[in-house]
Amino acid sequence: MRTEGIAEQLQLHPQVKPKVDRGYRGLANDFPHQVQAPPRTPKDDVIGREVRLA
């Protein structure tokens, strides 16, 4: 799939709200109110530890 120009198209069409996979985190960071991406995965050192919420 060609990805060139996606950012430009999102700027030209702000009403478009795409859902993307993890490979497009950069677009989700650049267009947080427009692009929906899955949440970031935790770093390896956090996996397996118990997390306590206050």
PDB file of N, CA and C in Angstrom:
ATOM      1  N   MET A   1       0.839  -1.176   0.000  1.00  0.00           N
ATOM      2  CA  MET A   1       0.000   0.000   0.000  1.00  0.00           C
ATOM      3  C   MET A   1       0.883   1.238   0.000  1.00  0.00           C
ATOM      4  N   ARG A   2       0.560   2.183  -0.806  1.00  0.00           N
ATOM      5  CA  ARG A   2       1.298   3.444  -0.830  1.00  0.00           C
ATOM      6  C   ARG A   2       0.843   4.304   0.338  1.00  0.00           C
ATOM      7  N   THR A   3       1.801   4.817   1.074  1.00  0.00           N
ATOM      8  CA  THR A   3       1.456   5.660   2.217  1.00  0.00           C
ATOM      9  C   THR A   3       1.838   7.117   1.996  1.00  0.00           C
ATOM     10  N   GLU A   4       2.505   7.407   0.894  1.00  0.00           N
ATOM     11  CA  GLU A   4       2.888   8.789   0.620  1.00  0.00           C
ATOM     12  C   GLU A   4       1.637   9.639   0.448  1.00  0.00           C
ATOM     13  N   GLY A   5       1.642  10.789   1.072  1.00  0.00           N
ATOM     14  CA  GLY A   5       0.536  11.710   0.896  1.00  0.00           C
ATOM     15  C   GLY A   5      -0.641  11.506   1.825  1.00  0.00           C
ATOM     16  N   ILE A   6      -0.574  10.524   2.710  1.00  0.00           N
ATOM     17  CA  ILE A   6      -1.699  10.303   3.621  1.00  0.00           C
ATOM     18  C   ILE A   6      -1.880  11.517   4.531  1.00  0.00           C
ATOM     19  N   ALA A   7      -0.790  12.039   5.063  1.00  0.00           N
ATOM     20  CA  ALA A   7      -0.877  13.202   5.947  1.00  0.00           C
ATOM     21  C   ALA A   7      -1.480  14.393   5.207  1.00  0.00           C
ATOM     22  N   GLU A   8      -1.067  14.586   3.975  1.00  0.00           N
ATOM     23  CA  GLU A   8      -1.619  15.685   3.179  1.00  0.00           C
ATOM     24  C   GLU A   8      -3.119  15.496   2.965  1.00  0.00           C
ATOM     25  N   GLN A   9      -3.537  14.273   2.681  1.00  0.00           N
ATOM     26  CA  GLN A   9      -4.958  14.003   2.472  1.00  0.00           C
ATOM     27  C   GLN A   9      -5.759  14.220   3.760  1.00  0.00           C
ATOM     28  N   LEU A  10      -5.173  13.861   4.899  1.00  0.00           N
ATOM     29  CA  LEU A  10      -5.858  14.089   6.169  1.00  0.00           C
ATOM     30  C   LEU A  10      -6.020  15.584   6.433  1.00  0.00           C
ATOM     31  N   GLN A  11      -5.024  16.375   6.040  1.00  0.00           N
ATOM     32  CA  GLN A  11      -5.131  17.830   6.205  1.00  0.00           C
ATOM     33  C   GLN A  11      -6.201  18.405   5.283  1.00  0.00           C
ATOM     34  N   LEU A  12      -6.290  17.876   4.077  1.00  0.00           N
ATOM     35  CA  LEU A  12      -7.266  18.374   3.113  1.00  0.00           C
ATOM     36  C   LEU A  12      -8.696  17.947   3.446  1.00  0.00           C
ATOM     37  N   HIS A  13      -8.826  16.831   4.164  1.00  0.00           N
ATOM     38  CA  HIS A  13     -10.150  16.271   4.473  1.00  0.00           C
ATOM     39  C   HIS A  13     -10.260  16.001   5.978  1.00  0.00           C
ATOM     40  N   PRO A  14     -10.384  17.057   6.788  1.00  0.00           N
ATOM     41  CA  PRO A  14     -10.408  16.869   8.245  1.00  0.00           C
ATOM     42  C   PRO A  14     -11.626  16.098   8.757  1.00  0.00           C
ATOM     43  N   GLN A  15     -12.656  15.949   7.936  1.00  0.00           N
ATOM     44  CA  GLN A  15     -13.840  15.198   8.362  1.00  0.00           C
ATOM     45  C   GLN A  15     -13.604  13.688   8.322  1.00  0.00           C
ATOM     46  N   VAL A  16     -12.553  13.240   7.637  1.00  0.00           N
ATOM     47  CA  VAL A  16     -12.228  11.812   7.548  1.00  0.00           C
ATOM     48  C   VAL A  16     -11.561  11.385   8.850  1.00  0.00           C
ATOM     49  N   LYS A  17     -12.035  10.279   9.430  1.00  0.00           N
ATOM     50  CA  LYS A  17     -11.493   9.776  10.686  1.00  0.00           C
ATOM     51  C   LYS A  17     -11.136   8.297  10.531  1.00  0.00           C
ATOM     52  N   PRO A  18      -9.947   8.011   9.969  1.00  0.00           N
ATOM     53  CA  PRO A  18      -9.565   6.623   9.725  1.00  0.00           C
ATOM     54  C   PRO A  18      -9.160   5.878  10.996  1.00  0.00           C
ATOM     55  N   LYS A  19      -9.385   4.564  10.960  1.00  0.00           N
ATOM     56  CA  LYS A  19      -8.885   3.663  11.991  1.00  0.00           C
ATOM     57  C   LYS A  19      -7.705   2.932  11.372  1.00  0.00           C
ATOM     58  N   VAL A  20      -6.564   2.939  12.060  1.00  0.00           N
ATOM     59  CA  VAL A  20      -5.344   2.358  11.506  1.00  0.00           C
ATOM     60  C   VAL A  20      -4.766   1.326  12.464  1.00  0.00           C
ATOM     61  N   ASP A  21      -3.803   0.542  11.971  1.00  0.00           N
ATOM     62  CA  ASP A  21      -3.150  -0.433  12.834  1.00  0.00           C
ATOM     63  C   ASP A  21      -1.901   0.184  13.465  1.00  0.00           C
ATOM     64  N   ARG A  22      -1.166  -0.638  14.238  1.00  0.00           N
ATOM     65  CA  ARG A  22      -0.001  -0.142  14.975  1.00  0.00           C
ATOM     66  C   ARG A  22       1.077   0.475  14.102  1.00  0.00           C
ATOM     67  N   GLY A  23       1.156   0.073  12.863  1.00  0.00           N
ATOM     68  CA  GLY A  23       2.183   0.584  11.969  1.00  0.00           C
ATOM     69  C   GLY A  23       2.021   2.054  11.627  1.00  0.00           C
ATOM     70  N   TYR A  24       0.890   2.625  11.964  1.00  0.00           N
ATOM     71  CA  TYR A  24       0.621   4.025  11.633  1.00  0.00           C
ATOM     72  C   TYR A  24       0.540   4.898  12.886  1.00  0.00           C
ATOM     73  N   ARG A  25       1.281   4.538  13.938  1.00  0.00           N
ATOM     74  CA  ARG A  25       1.286   5.328  15.176  1.00  0.00           C
ATOM     75  C   ARG A  25       1.712   6.765  14.909  1.00  0.00           C
ATOM     76  N   GLY A  26       2.624   6.965  13.968  1.00  0.00           N
ATOM     77  CA  GLY A  26       3.081   8.315  13.650  1.00  0.00           C
ATOM     78  C   GLY A  26       1.945   9.202  13.182  1.00  0.00           C
ATOM     79  N   LEU A  27       1.083   8.653  12.332  1.00  0.00           N
ATOM     80  CA  LEU A  27      -0.081   9.421  11.877  1.00  0.00           C
ATOM     81  C   LEU A  27      -1.014   9.718  13.045  1.00  0.00           C
ATOM     82  N   ALA A  28      -1.182   8.743  13.923  1.00  0.00           N
ATOM     83  CA  ALA A  28      -2.048   8.950  15.081  1.00  0.00           C
ATOM     84  C   ALA A  28      -1.467  10.019  16.002  1.00  0.00           C
ATOM     85  N   ASN A  29      -0.149  10.075  16.110  1.00  0.00           N
ATOM     86  CA  ASN A  29       0.484  11.111  16.921  1.00  0.00           C
ATOM     87  C   ASN A  29       0.353  12.477  16.263  1.00  0.00           C
ATOM     88  N   ASP A  30       0.477  12.530  14.944  1.00  0.00           N
ATOM     89  CA  ASP A  30       0.400  13.797  14.213  1.00  0.00           C
ATOM     90  C   ASP A  30      -1.029  14.324  14.110  1.00  0.00           C
ATOM     91  N   PHE A  31      -2.001  13.419  14.085  1.00  0.00           N
ATOM     92  CA  PHE A  31      -3.416  13.791  13.939  1.00  0.00           C
ATOM     93  C   PHE A  31      -4.236  13.112  15.041  1.00  0.00           C
ATOM     94  N   PRO A  32      -4.007  13.469  16.308  1.00  0.00           N
ATOM     95  CA  PRO A  32      -4.643  12.740  17.413  1.00  0.00           C
ATOM     96  C   PRO A  32      -6.164  12.820  17.447  1.00  0.00           C
ATOM     97  N   HIS A  33      -6.746  13.887  16.931  1.00  0.00           N
ATOM     98  CA  HIS A  33      -8.207  14.019  16.962  1.00  0.00           C
ATOM     99  C   HIS A  33      -8.862  13.443  15.719  1.00  0.00           C
ATOM    100  N   GLN A  34      -8.035  12.953  14.804  1.00  0.00           N
ATOM    101  CA  GLN A  34      -8.571  12.477  13.531  1.00  0.00           C
ATOM    102  C   GLN A  34      -8.302  10.988  13.311  1.00  0.00           C
ATOM    103  N   VAL A  35      -7.111  10.509  13.648  1.00  0.00           N
ATOM    104  CA  VAL A  35      -6.715   9.121  13.384  1.00  0.00           C
ATOM    105  C   VAL A  35      -6.826   8.303  14.668  1.00  0.00           C
ATOM    106  N   GLN A  36      -7.490   7.140  14.564  1.00  0.00           N
ATOM    107  CA  GLN A  36      -7.619   6.225  15.697  1.00  0.00           C
ATOM    108  C   GLN A  36      -6.688   5.044  15.482  1.00  0.00           C
ATOM    109  N   ALA A  37      -5.787   4.817  16.445  1.00  0.00           N
ATOM    110  CA  ALA A  37      -4.851   3.694  16.383  1.00  0.00           C
ATOM    111  C   ALA A  37      -4.940   2.924  17.695  1.00  0.00           C
ATOM    112  N   PRO A  38      -4.533   1.646  17.697  1.00  0.00           N
ATOM    113  CA  PRO A  38      -4.549   0.884  18.942  1.00  0.00           C
ATOM    114  C   PRO A  38      -3.605   1.520  19.965  1.00  0.00           C
ATOM    115  N   PRO A  39      -3.863   1.313  21.242  1.00  0.00           N
ATOM    116  CA  PRO A  39      -2.975   1.884  22.258  1.00  0.00           C
ATOM    117  C   PRO A  39      -1.568   1.313  22.143  1.00  0.00           C
ATOM    118  N   ARG A  40      -0.621   2.084  22.617  1.00  0.00           N
ATOM    119  CA  ARG A  40       0.772   1.617  22.606  1.00  0.00           C
ATOM    120  C   ARG A  40       0.900   0.396  23.504  1.00  0.00           C
ATOM    121  N   THR A  41       1.797  -0.510  23.154  1.00  0.00           N
ATOM    122  CA  THR A  41       2.052  -1.674  23.990  1.00  0.00           C
ATOM    123  C   THR A  41       3.049  -1.281  25.070  1.00  0.00           C
ATOM    124  N   PRO A  42       2.943  -1.875  26.254  1.00  0.00           N
ATOM    125  CA  PRO A  42       3.888  -1.533  27.322  1.00  0.00           C
ATOM    126  C   PRO A  42       5.293  -2.006  26.979  1.00  0.00           C
ATOM    127  N   LYS A  43       6.267  -1.345  27.566  1.00  0.00           N
ATOM    128  CA  LYS A  43       7.659  -1.741  27.337  1.00  0.00           C
ATOM    129  C   LYS A  43       7.895  -3.115  27.949  1.00  0.00           C
ATOM    130  N   ASP A  44       8.911  -3.827  27.452  1.00  0.00           N
ATOM    131  CA  ASP A  44       9.191  -5.192  27.892  1.00  0.00           C
ATOM    132  C   ASP A  44       9.436  -5.297  29.393  1.00  0.00           C
ATOM    133  N   ASP A  45      10.063  -4.287  29.998  1.00  0.00           N
ATOM    134  CA  ASP A  45      10.371  -4.388  31.417  1.00  0.00           C
ATOM    135  C   ASP A  45       9.136  -4.246  32.305  1.00  0.00           C
ATOM    136  N   VAL A  46       8.024  -3.821  31.755  1.00  0.00           N
ATOM    137  CA  VAL A  46       6.790  -3.680  32.524  1.00  0.00           C
ATOM    138  C   VAL A  46       5.971  -4.964  32.475  1.00  0.00           C
ATOM    139  N   ILE A  47       6.110  -5.728  31.410  1.00  0.00           N
ATOM    140  CA  ILE A  47       5.336  -6.955  31.250  1.00  0.00           C
ATOM    141  C   ILE A  47       5.717  -7.947  32.348  1.00  0.00           C
ATOM    142  N   GLY A  48       4.733  -8.506  32.991  1.00  0.00           N
ATOM    143  CA  GLY A  48       4.966  -9.503  34.022  1.00  0.00           C
ATOM    144  C   GLY A  48       5.029  -8.924  35.423  1.00  0.00           C
ATOM    145  N   ARG A  49       5.164  -7.627  35.552  1.00  0.00           N
ATOM    146  CA  ARG A  49       5.181  -7.013  36.875  1.00  0.00           C
ATOM    147  C   ARG A  49       3.758  -6.716  37.320  1.00  0.00           C
ATOM    148  N   GLU A  50       3.583  -6.726  38.606  1.00  0.00           N
ATOM    149  CA  GLU A  50       2.283  -6.374  39.152  1.00  0.00           C
ATOM    150  C   GLU A  50       2.184  -4.853  39.210  1.00  0.00           C
ATOM    151  N   VAL A  51       1.100  -4.332  38.725  1.00  0.00           N
ATOM    152  CA  VAL A  51       0.895  -2.886  38.738  1.00  0.00           C
ATOM    153  C   VAL A  51      -0.173  -2.570  39.761  1.00  0.00           C
ATOM    154  N   ARG A  52       0.148  -1.686  40.688  1.00  0.00           N
ATOM    155  CA  ARG A  52      -0.811  -1.298  41.715  1.00  0.00           C
ATOM    156  C   ARG A  52      -1.274   0.121  41.442  1.00  0.00           C
ATOM    157  N   LEU A  53      -2.566   0.280  41.464  1.00  0.00           N
ATOM    158  CA  LEU A  53      -3.143   1.606  41.272  1.00  0.00           C
ATOM    159  C   LEU A  53      -3.481   2.200  42.626  1.00  0.00           C
ATOM    160  N   ALA A  54      -3.199   3.465  42.795  1.00  0.00           N
ATOM    161  CA  ALA A  54      -3.455   4.128  44.083  1.00  0.00           C
ATOM    162  C   ALA A  54      -4.919   4.412  44.258  1.00  0.00           C
TER     163      ALA A  54
END
